[in-house]
Amino acid sequence: MRRALVIGIDDYPTRPLTGCVADARHMSDLLSKDADGTPNFDCRLCGAQPSHITRASLREHVAELFTDKVDVALLYFSGHGFLDTTGGYLVTQDAARYEEGVSMSDVLTYGMKSPAHEVVVILDCCYSGSWGQLPPLGGEHALLREGMAVLAACGPEQTALGSSGGGVFTSLLCAGLEGWAADVLGNVTIGSLYSHIDQALGAWDQRPIFRANLSRFTPIRRCRPEVQPGVLRLLTRYFPSPDAELRLDSSYEPEAEPKDAQHELVFSHLQQYRAARLLVPVGAEHLYHAAINRKSCQLTPLGRFYWHLAREGRV
């Protein structure tokens, strides 16, 4: 069981926003199903009209999200953030002076105490990185519970940038979920999402903050794999060792003579490996030229990594 609470707030009485509700809807659509239509997260979308997100309702929704022993509980929030001397807050629609919303530390405390196997918190709001200023839990440093990850749009004293269609952070986040952050097998994890966003933002931009206590990265969403698992497992057949070279000739190229259906099938797999950066031709720029000129191809470091996974039966 995987469930997600997805919140986007535009309609603030003062300083209304544009794009947060649209961002939340986009996130909910992506999280609810994998790329092939398989059900993924059971999403609860809050913030769109006629919903009204108050301090009490936000706290109730968050508490309910983290109450049960599910496989993954994910919280996404897009809206205003507020920072004072006590820390950061997720601003609600009934915000008032000294009652701006629900504190980020309280939100994370719910997550820390959750019986869910894994907890993921994603915050797209100003000062969202202030969640890192949690009070110590039985020691000198704030520690996340095992199986918990938090991804914030910006540092504790930074504002989250927006564009005409929504937040810059969430636009990158959604692109990552659509496949830009996927590995060769199509898996998108919270770690690969952070890496994708981190590389897309420059040194002068807002800087995403990521902290996790995970023993493994569970896929957040599954996209179309660059190479199907069955084809990936053939790496060990085509390359007896990770450093081996596969000699090619014109029989591998479908448009050349002589014709060899089996070699042409192998060549189609090699082209998939090439597109996924698992393989490079040796002494030629393209696989076509390597085949026509009787040269070879070899695995890249990434290809050798997947070769070992295939040999160990982990693909």
Foldseek 3Di string as FASTA:
>chain_A
DAAEEFEFAQDAVPPGHPQRLVLSVLVCVLLQAFAVRHGHHHYDYAHPPPHFWAQVNVLVVLLVQQADAAQEREYEYHDEWDADPVFIADAGNVADVVPRHHGLLSSLVSVQPGNYQAYEYEYQYALQQRNLVHDPDVDDHNDGHERYKYKYQAHNHGGFDADPNGTPLSVLLSVCSQQPLAAQQQFHFPVSSLVSSQVVDDPPHGHMDMDHRYPDTDGSHGYHHLAHPVLLLCLCVQAVAQFRKHWAAQCCPCVGDDDDVVSVVVSVSVVSCVVNQQKAWPPDHDPNVRHHVRGIMHTDPVNNVSNVCSVVVND
